[in-house]
N, C-alpha and C. Protein backbone atom coordinates (compact mmCIF):
# COMPACT_ATOMS: atom_id res chain seq x y z
N MET A 1 10.14 2.93 34.19
CA MET A 1 9.93 3.59 32.87
C MET A 1 8.62 4.40 32.93
N GLN A 2 8.63 5.62 32.51
CA GLN A 2 7.50 6.48 32.57
C GLN A 2 6.75 6.59 31.22
N TRP A 3 7.41 6.29 30.12
CA TRP A 3 6.77 6.40 28.82
C TRP A 3 7.20 5.28 27.95
N LEU A 4 6.36 4.86 27.07
CA LEU A 4 6.65 3.81 26.08
C LEU A 4 6.21 4.31 24.68
N TRP A 5 7.14 4.27 23.76
CA TRP A 5 6.82 4.63 22.36
C TRP A 5 6.90 3.39 21.59
N LEU A 6 5.82 3.17 20.82
CA LEU A 6 5.77 2.01 19.84
C LEU A 6 5.72 2.54 18.48
N VAL A 7 6.67 2.21 17.61
CA VAL A 7 6.78 2.79 16.28
C VAL A 7 6.60 1.62 15.29
N ASP A 8 5.67 1.76 14.36
CA ASP A 8 5.40 0.73 13.41
C ASP A 8 5.68 1.35 12.03
N PRO A 9 6.85 1.10 11.46
CA PRO A 9 7.14 1.72 10.22
C PRO A 9 6.33 1.28 8.99
N ASP A 10 5.77 0.05 9.07
CA ASP A 10 4.98 -0.52 8.01
C ASP A 10 3.63 0.29 7.96
N LEU A 11 3.06 0.52 9.15
CA LEU A 11 1.78 1.35 9.20
C LEU A 11 1.99 2.80 9.30
N GLN A 12 3.24 3.21 9.52
CA GLN A 12 3.64 4.54 9.71
C GLN A 12 2.85 5.21 10.95
N ILE A 13 2.95 4.54 12.06
CA ILE A 13 2.28 4.97 13.25
C ILE A 13 3.18 5.00 14.45
N LEU A 14 2.98 6.04 15.28
CA LEU A 14 3.67 6.19 16.53
C LEU A 14 2.57 6.17 17.59
N GLU A 15 2.71 5.29 18.63
CA GLU A 15 1.75 5.27 19.77
C GLU A 15 2.59 5.50 21.03
N VAL A 16 2.09 6.47 21.87
CA VAL A 16 2.72 6.81 23.12
C VAL A 16 1.85 6.30 24.25
N TYR A 17 2.49 5.54 25.18
CA TYR A 17 1.77 5.00 26.31
C TYR A 17 2.43 5.48 27.61
N ARG A 18 1.60 5.52 28.72
CA ARG A 18 2.18 5.80 30.02
C ARG A 18 1.59 4.75 31.03
N PRO A 19 2.33 4.43 32.08
CA PRO A 19 1.79 3.49 33.06
C PRO A 19 0.62 4.13 33.88
N LEU A 20 -0.30 3.32 34.13
CA LEU A 20 -1.44 3.72 35.00
C LEU A 20 -1.98 2.48 35.72
N ASP A 21 -1.92 2.44 37.03
CA ASP A 21 -2.45 1.35 37.80
C ASP A 21 -1.99 -0.01 37.34
N GLY A 22 -0.73 -0.15 37.03
CA GLY A 22 -0.20 -1.49 36.62
C GLY A 22 -0.46 -1.83 35.16
N HIS A 23 -1.04 -0.92 34.38
CA HIS A 23 -1.23 -1.20 32.94
C HIS A 23 -0.71 -0.03 32.15
N TRP A 24 -0.59 -0.25 30.81
CA TRP A 24 -0.17 0.82 29.96
C TRP A 24 -1.36 1.45 29.36
N LEU A 25 -1.44 2.81 29.45
CA LEU A 25 -2.56 3.61 28.92
C LEU A 25 -2.05 4.32 27.69
N LEU A 26 -2.81 4.08 26.58
CA LEU A 26 -2.49 4.78 25.34
C LEU A 26 -2.85 6.28 25.50
N GLU A 27 -1.82 7.09 25.35
CA GLU A 27 -2.01 8.57 25.51
C GLU A 27 -2.42 9.16 24.19
N ARG A 28 -1.72 8.75 23.16
CA ARG A 28 -2.04 9.32 21.85
C ARG A 28 -1.37 8.52 20.70
N THR A 29 -1.89 8.66 19.54
CA THR A 29 -1.45 8.03 18.28
C THR A 29 -1.19 9.09 17.27
N TRP A 30 -0.03 9.06 16.57
CA TRP A 30 0.28 9.89 15.43
C TRP A 30 0.43 8.98 14.22
N GLN A 31 0.31 9.49 13.03
CA GLN A 31 0.57 8.72 11.86
C GLN A 31 1.05 9.53 10.67
N ASN A 32 1.62 8.84 9.69
CA ASN A 32 2.06 9.40 8.46
C ASN A 32 2.99 10.60 8.66
N ASP A 33 2.53 11.75 8.33
CA ASP A 33 3.39 12.96 8.40
C ASP A 33 2.92 13.98 9.46
N ASP A 34 2.28 13.43 10.59
CA ASP A 34 1.88 14.31 11.64
C ASP A 34 3.13 14.94 12.28
N ILE A 35 2.86 16.09 12.87
CA ILE A 35 3.86 16.77 13.72
C ILE A 35 3.75 16.25 15.12
N VAL A 36 4.83 15.67 15.67
CA VAL A 36 4.79 15.02 16.97
C VAL A 36 5.45 15.89 17.98
N SER A 37 4.75 16.08 19.05
CA SER A 37 5.36 16.65 20.31
C SER A 37 4.88 15.74 21.43
N ALA A 38 5.69 14.81 21.84
CA ALA A 38 5.18 13.77 22.76
C ALA A 38 6.15 13.62 23.94
N PRO A 39 5.65 13.31 25.12
CA PRO A 39 6.45 13.13 26.27
C PRO A 39 7.30 11.87 26.12
N PRO A 40 8.54 11.88 26.64
CA PRO A 40 9.07 12.84 27.50
C PRO A 40 9.85 13.91 26.70
N PHE A 41 9.68 13.98 25.37
CA PHE A 41 10.42 14.96 24.55
C PHE A 41 9.49 16.03 24.05
N ASP A 42 8.46 16.41 24.80
CA ASP A 42 7.46 17.37 24.32
C ASP A 42 7.92 18.77 24.20
N ALA A 43 9.22 19.02 24.60
CA ALA A 43 9.82 20.38 24.42
C ALA A 43 10.18 20.61 22.99
N ILE A 44 10.24 19.56 22.16
CA ILE A 44 10.51 19.70 20.78
C ILE A 44 9.45 19.09 19.90
N SER A 45 9.41 19.39 18.64
CA SER A 45 8.47 18.78 17.71
C SER A 45 9.28 18.23 16.54
N MET A 46 8.72 17.16 15.96
CA MET A 46 9.29 16.53 14.84
C MET A 46 8.29 16.08 13.84
N ASN A 47 8.59 16.04 12.59
CA ASN A 47 7.71 15.52 11.58
C ASN A 47 7.91 13.98 11.56
N LEU A 48 6.79 13.28 11.78
CA LEU A 48 6.86 11.85 11.89
C LEU A 48 7.40 11.21 10.58
N SER A 49 7.15 11.81 9.46
CA SER A 49 7.53 11.32 8.18
C SER A 49 9.07 11.23 8.09
N ASP A 50 9.85 11.90 9.00
CA ASP A 50 11.29 11.80 8.99
C ASP A 50 11.76 10.37 9.40
N LEU A 51 10.89 9.63 9.99
CA LEU A 51 11.25 8.27 10.41
C LEU A 51 11.01 7.20 9.31
N TRP A 52 10.19 7.55 8.31
CA TRP A 52 9.83 6.52 7.29
C TRP A 52 10.81 6.54 6.10
N LEU A 53 10.99 5.44 5.52
CA LEU A 53 11.72 5.32 4.30
C LEU A 53 10.88 5.94 3.21
N PRO A 54 11.55 6.54 2.18
CA PRO A 54 10.77 7.07 1.02
C PRO A 54 9.99 6.04 0.37
N GLN A 55 8.74 6.42 -0.02
CA GLN A 55 7.86 5.56 -0.79
C GLN A 55 8.29 5.50 -2.29
N ASP A 56 8.23 4.33 -2.88
CA ASP A 56 8.69 4.24 -4.27
C ASP A 56 7.47 4.69 -5.15
């Protein structure tokens, strides 16, 4: 596995990790309604808020 995405819908955060020397290195964090372009899908962009349920 070359990339790991951790999505936390409660905190509305996406963290992207890559392996380095036997450990996972945090590459970047996005939150709320950030525009995401992240490996391995960095050829496209998405609005992170599309993943979250609407707020009441």
